[in-house]
Amino acid sequence: MSKIGIPKFLIITGVWFTSYIELIGGFLLIIGFAKYYAMYLLGLDLIIASIAFGFMKPMWDMKFVFPRLVILIFLLVIPSDWDIISVDYVWSLIKFIRSIAK
């Protein structure tokens, strides 16, 4: 990608950013902690990866982006009431019980 004119430090920074965001964001989604922050960061990661793929190969295949985009949109659209097996839900129950106990 340096042949295209993108500085090497920008490429390395992008690779590190996307790698860590996918690792940390995926873990946070699995355990259900900070779900919406993780999804927004994964959406940003998806945009950055799409731009990078566009620079590498202008006519690239949507099979890498579209399934991830559909999953992110689905998770953002479903009601939060459905999300009962997560750290966020348990945390909100603990806060609710503490507020009643006072």
C-alpha atoms as a PDB file:
ATOM      1  CA  MET A   1       0.000   0.000   0.000  1.00  0.00           C
ATOM      2  CA  SER A   2       2.981   2.313   0.284  1.00  0.00           C
ATOM      3  CA  LYS A   3       3.161   2.259  -3.516  1.00  0.00           C
ATOM      4  CA  ILE A   4      -0.211   4.024  -3.578  1.00  0.00           C
ATOM      5  CA  GLY A   5       1.187   6.891  -1.523  1.00  0.00           C
ATOM      6  CA  ILE A   6      -0.126   6.068   1.937  1.00  0.00           C
ATOM      7  CA  PRO A   7       2.539   6.632   4.620  1.00  0.00           C
ATOM      8  CA  LYS A   8       3.855   3.504   6.299  1.00  0.00           C
ATOM      9  CA  PHE A   9       3.103   4.775   9.833  1.00  0.00           C
ATOM     10  CA  LEU A  10      -0.554   5.233   8.859  1.00  0.00           C
ATOM     11  CA  ILE A  11      -0.728   1.663   7.574  1.00  0.00           C
ATOM     12  CA  ILE A  12       0.869   0.269  10.739  1.00  0.00           C
ATOM     13  CA  THR A  13      -1.389   2.383  12.964  1.00  0.00           C
ATOM     14  CA  GLY A  14      -4.462   1.215  11.061  1.00  0.00           C
ATOM     15  CA  VAL A  15      -3.447  -2.427  11.313  1.00  0.00           C
ATOM     16  CA  TRP A  16      -2.858  -2.175  15.067  1.00  0.00           C
ATOM     17  CA  PHE A  17      -6.086  -0.230  15.602  1.00  0.00           C
ATOM     18  CA  THR A  18      -8.271  -2.636  13.657  1.00  0.00           C
ATOM     19  CA  SER A  19      -6.650  -5.696  15.221  1.00  0.00           C
ATOM     20  CA  TYR A  20      -7.128  -4.527  18.797  1.00  0.00           C
ATOM     21  CA  ILE A  21     -10.616  -3.161  18.209  1.00  0.00           C
ATOM     22  CA  GLU A  22     -11.733  -6.468  16.697  1.00  0.00           C
ATOM     23  CA  LEU A  23     -10.191  -8.429  19.577  1.00  0.00           C
ATOM     24  CA  ILE A  24     -11.438  -6.230  22.417  1.00  0.00           C
ATOM     25  CA  GLY A  25     -14.772  -5.363  20.790  1.00  0.00           C
ATOM     26  CA  GLY A  26     -15.507  -9.001  20.017  1.00  0.00           C
ATOM     27  CA  PHE A  27     -14.698 -10.029  23.578  1.00  0.00           C
ATOM     28  CA  LEU A  28     -16.913  -7.266  24.981  1.00  0.00           C
ATOM     29  CA  LEU A  29     -19.782  -8.370  22.740  1.00  0.00           C
ATOM     30  CA  ILE A  30     -19.388 -11.992  23.802  1.00  0.00           C
ATOM     31  CA  ILE A  31     -19.596 -11.196  27.508  1.00  0.00           C
ATOM     32  CA  GLY A  32     -22.156  -8.444  26.972  1.00  0.00           C
ATOM     33  CA  PHE A  33     -20.277  -5.561  28.576  1.00  0.00           C
ATOM     34  CA  ALA A  34     -20.451  -2.049  27.091  1.00  0.00           C
ATOM     35  CA  LYS A  35     -22.324  -3.538  24.147  1.00  0.00           C
ATOM     36  CA  TYR A  36     -23.186  -0.323  22.343  1.00  0.00           C
ATOM     37  CA  TYR A  37     -19.707   1.195  22.707  1.00  0.00           C
ATOM     38  CA  ALA A  38     -18.206  -2.024  21.356  1.00  0.00           C
ATOM     39  CA  MET A  39     -20.596  -2.073  18.399  1.00  0.00           C
ATOM     40  CA  TYR A  40     -19.873   1.543  17.479  1.00  0.00           C
ATOM     41  CA  LEU A  41     -16.133   0.868  17.636  1.00  0.00           C
ATOM     42  CA  LEU A  42     -16.585  -2.249  15.510  1.00  0.00           C
ATOM     43  CA  GLY A  43     -18.587  -0.176  13.019  1.00  0.00           C
ATOM     44  CA  LEU A  44     -15.718   2.324  12.854  1.00  0.00           C
ATOM     45  CA  ASP A  45     -13.339  -0.581  12.402  1.00  0.00           C
ATOM     46  CA  LEU A  46     -15.497  -1.878   9.553  1.00  0.00           C
ATOM     47  CA  ILE A  47     -15.360   1.514   7.842  1.00  0.00           C
ATOM     48  CA  ILE A  48     -11.568   1.721   8.182  1.00  0.00           C
ATOM     49  CA  ALA A  49     -11.126  -1.834   6.881  1.00  0.00           C
ATOM     50  CA  SER A  50     -13.453  -1.119   3.945  1.00  0.00           C
ATOM     51  CA  ILE A  51     -11.467   1.981   3.003  1.00  0.00           C
ATOM     52  CA  ALA A  52      -8.220   0.009   3.222  1.00  0.00           C
ATOM     53  CA  PHE A  53      -9.631  -2.773   1.022  1.00  0.00           C
ATOM     54  CA  GLY A  54     -10.801  -0.128  -1.422  1.00  0.00           C
ATOM     55  CA  PHE A  55      -7.269   1.245  -1.720  1.00  0.00           C
ATOM     56  CA  MET A  56      -5.742  -2.191  -2.142  1.00  0.00           C
ATOM     57  CA  LYS A  57      -8.186  -3.468  -4.742  1.00  0.00           C
ATOM     58  CA  PRO A  58     -10.737  -0.979  -6.119  1.00  0.00           C
ATOM     59  CA  MET A  59     -13.223  -3.701  -7.132  1.00  0.00           C
ATOM     60  CA  TRP A  60     -13.240  -5.822  -4.011  1.00  0.00           C
ATOM     61  CA  ASP A  61     -15.658  -8.490  -2.946  1.00  0.00           C
ATOM     62  CA  MET A  62     -18.470  -7.600  -0.505  1.00  0.00           C
ATOM     63  CA  LYS A  63     -18.397 -11.059   1.083  1.00  0.00           C
ATOM     64  CA  PHE A  64     -16.042  -9.805   3.798  1.00  0.00           C
ATOM     65  CA  VAL A  65     -17.962  -6.669   4.756  1.00  0.00           C
ATOM     66  CA  PHE A  66     -21.644  -7.378   4.192  1.00  0.00           C
ATOM     67  CA  PRO A  67     -22.151 -10.180   6.784  1.00  0.00           C
ATOM     68  CA  ARG A  68     -20.429  -8.129   9.493  1.00  0.00           C
ATOM     69  CA  LEU A  69     -22.492  -5.075   8.581  1.00  0.00           C
ATOM     70  CA  VAL A  70     -25.735  -7.059   8.753  1.00  0.00           C
ATOM     71  CA  ILE A  71     -24.832  -8.486  12.173  1.00  0.00           C
ATOM     72  CA  LEU A  72     -23.914  -5.040  13.560  1.00  0.00           C
ATOM     73  CA  ILE A  73     -27.118  -3.470  12.274  1.00  0.00           C
ATOM     74  CA  PHE A  74     -29.179  -6.359  13.670  1.00  0.00           C
ATOM     75  CA  LEU A  75     -27.551  -6.038  17.098  1.00  0.00           C
ATOM     76  CA  LEU A  76     -28.150  -2.285  17.117  1.00  0.00           C
ATOM     77  CA  VAL A  77     -31.808  -2.624  16.093  1.00  0.00           C
ATOM     78  CA  ILE A  78     -32.992  -5.416  18.403  1.00  0.00           C
ATOM     79  CA  PRO A  79     -34.564  -4.249  21.663  1.00  0.00           C
ATOM     80  CA  SER A  80     -32.275  -4.166  24.678  1.00  0.00           C
ATOM     81  CA  ASP A  81     -34.954  -6.053  26.645  1.00  0.00           C
ATOM     82  CA  TRP A  82     -33.941  -9.198  24.774  1.00  0.00           C
ATOM     83  CA  ASP A  83     -30.422  -8.921  26.145  1.00  0.00           C
ATOM     84  CA  ILE A  84     -30.783 -10.690  29.491  1.00  0.00           C
ATOM     85  CA  ILE A  85     -27.650 -12.836  29.401  1.00  0.00           C
ATOM     86  CA  SER A  86     -24.991 -10.164  29.671  1.00  0.00           C
ATOM     87  CA  VAL A  87     -22.811  -8.321  32.129  1.00  0.00           C
ATOM     88  CA  ASP A  88     -24.668  -5.070  31.383  1.00  0.00           C
ATOM     89  CA  TYR A  89     -28.002  -6.620  32.368  1.00  0.00           C
ATOM     90  CA  VAL A  90     -26.612  -8.025  35.629  1.00  0.00           C
ATOM     91  CA  TRP A  91     -24.987  -4.666  36.367  1.00  0.00           C
ATOM     92  CA  SER A  92     -28.301  -2.845  35.824  1.00  0.00           C
ATOM     93  CA  LEU A  93     -30.072  -5.332  38.141  1.00  0.00           C
ATOM     94  CA  ILE A  94     -27.483  -4.738  40.864  1.00  0.00           C
ATOM     95  CA  LYS A  95     -27.892  -0.964  40.529  1.00  0.00           C
ATOM     96  CA  PHE A  96     -31.701  -1.332  40.639  1.00  0.00           C
ATOM     97  CA  ILE A  97     -31.602  -3.510  43.774  1.00  0.00           C
ATOM     98  CA  ARG A  98     -29.241  -1.063  45.487  1.00  0.00           C
ATOM     99  CA  SER A  99     -31.549   1.845  44.668  1.00  0.00           C
ATOM    100  CA  ILE A 100     -34.534   0.007  46.170  1.00  0.00           C
ATOM    101  CA  ALA A 101     -32.577  -0.938  49.308  1.00  0.00           C
ATOM    102  CA  LYS A 102     -31.790   2.699  50.135  1.00  0.00           C
END
